[in-house]
């Protein structure tokens, strides 16, 4: 029985025969699955509803508040209950995968 899924190859590569390194995406890859995203307007907590520490990314706005910094450029942290942001207007991305 054949496996089913989705594969997308880079331009110039045959998706049916190319190596994994030549794929843009494959449903066989371990991809992050998004739980929720948002912007925490004031510093504080966001309850994520998971009973473990999930993988998360946060970033905060530059002084102009029109552009955001690189991921990991702030002091936000996460536990098994909440994501805690320490600056205003923190953009966050929470994933279902457990952090290690």
Protein backbone atom coordinates (compact mmCIF):
# COMPACT_ATOMS: atom_id res chain seq x y z
CA UNK A 1 0.00 0.00 0.00
CA UNK A 2 1.38 3.43 -0.95
CA UNK A 3 2.01 6.24 1.51
CA UNK A 4 0.02 9.43 1.06
CA UNK A 5 1.08 12.99 1.78
CA UNK A 6 2.25 16.24 0.27
CA UNK A 7 5.66 17.08 -1.17
CA UNK A 8 6.84 20.28 -2.86
CA UNK A 9 10.21 20.30 -4.60
CA UNK A 10 12.51 23.19 -5.33
CA UNK A 11 12.38 24.59 -8.84
CA UNK A 12 14.27 22.35 -11.24
CA UNK A 13 13.81 19.13 -9.22
CA UNK A 14 11.33 16.34 -9.89
CA UNK A 15 9.24 15.94 -6.74
CA UNK A 16 8.81 12.21 -7.46
CA UNK A 17 12.54 11.39 -7.54
CA UNK A 18 14.50 14.16 -5.76
CA UNK A 19 16.26 13.80 -2.41
CA UNK A 20 14.67 15.25 0.74
CA UNK A 21 17.28 18.04 0.74
CA UNK A 22 15.79 19.25 -2.56
CA UNK A 23 12.27 19.53 -1.16
CA UNK A 24 10.76 22.79 0.04
CA UNK A 25 8.19 20.92 2.14
CA UNK A 26 7.09 17.37 2.87
CA UNK A 27 4.29 16.20 5.14
CA UNK A 28 6.76 13.51 6.30
CA UNK A 29 8.95 16.21 7.91
CA UNK A 30 8.39 17.04 11.57
CA UNK A 31 6.75 20.46 11.19
CA UNK A 32 5.78 22.79 14.01
CA UNK A 33 2.02 22.82 14.49
CA UNK A 34 0.69 26.19 15.62
CA UNK A 35 -1.43 26.34 18.78
CA UNK A 36 -2.00 30.09 18.75
CA UNK A 37 -0.47 33.41 17.77
CA UNK A 38 -1.13 36.97 18.81
CA UNK A 39 0.16 40.21 20.25
CA UNK A 40 0.24 40.74 24.01
CA UNK A 41 -0.49 44.49 24.18
CA UNK A 42 0.61 44.91 27.79
CA UNK A 43 3.26 42.84 29.55
CA UNK A 44 1.69 39.88 31.33
CA UNK A 45 0.64 36.28 30.80
CA UNK A 46 -1.11 34.31 28.09
CA UNK A 47 -2.66 31.01 29.23
CA UNK A 48 -1.88 28.35 26.64
CA UNK A 49 -3.98 25.47 28.04
CA UNK A 50 -1.25 22.84 27.68
CA UNK A 51 0.06 20.80 30.61
CA UNK A 52 3.68 21.05 29.44
CA UNK A 53 6.15 23.72 28.33
CA UNK A 54 5.55 24.22 24.59
CA UNK A 55 7.95 25.50 21.96
CA UNK A 56 7.34 29.23 21.53
CA UNK A 57 8.76 32.21 19.67
CA UNK A 58 8.36 35.81 20.73
CA UNK A 59 9.54 39.12 19.39
CA UNK A 60 9.02 42.71 20.38
CA UNK A 61 8.70 45.93 18.39
CA UNK A 62 11.59 48.24 17.70
CA UNK A 63 11.35 51.74 19.20
CA UNK A 64 9.28 52.85 16.19
CA UNK A 65 6.69 50.13 16.95
CA UNK A 66 6.25 49.58 13.21
CA UNK A 67 8.72 46.74 12.80
CA UNK A 68 9.47 43.75 15.02
CA UNK A 69 12.85 42.49 16.18
CA UNK A 70 14.31 39.09 15.48
CA UNK A 71 12.90 36.05 17.26
CA UNK A 72 14.33 35.55 20.73
CA UNK A 73 15.31 39.19 21.27
CA UNK A 74 13.27 39.65 24.44
CA UNK A 75 12.96 38.17 27.92
CA UNK A 76 9.65 36.31 27.55
CA UNK A 77 9.44 32.86 29.09
CA UNK A 78 7.02 29.96 29.21
CA UNK A 79 6.02 27.34 31.78
CA UNK A 80 3.46 24.51 31.77
CA UNK A 81 0.60 27.00 32.22
CA UNK A 82 1.45 30.40 30.75
CA UNK A 83 3.58 32.36 28.36
CA UNK A 84 4.86 35.43 30.23
CA UNK A 85 5.86 38.56 28.33
CA UNK A 86 7.90 41.32 29.94
CA UNK A 87 7.49 44.05 27.34
CA UNK A 88 4.42 45.64 25.80
CA UNK A 89 3.29 44.70 22.29
CA UNK A 90 5.07 41.34 22.26
CA UNK A 91 4.18 39.20 19.25
CA UNK A 92 4.01 35.51 20.18
CA UNK A 93 3.75 32.13 18.48
CA UNK A 94 2.91 29.05 20.58
CA UNK A 95 3.23 25.53 19.15
CA UNK A 96 1.84 22.15 20.21
CA UNK A 97 5.27 20.50 20.35
CA UNK A 98 6.81 20.14 23.80
CA UNK A 99 9.99 22.04 24.50
CA UNK A 100 12.99 20.03 25.63
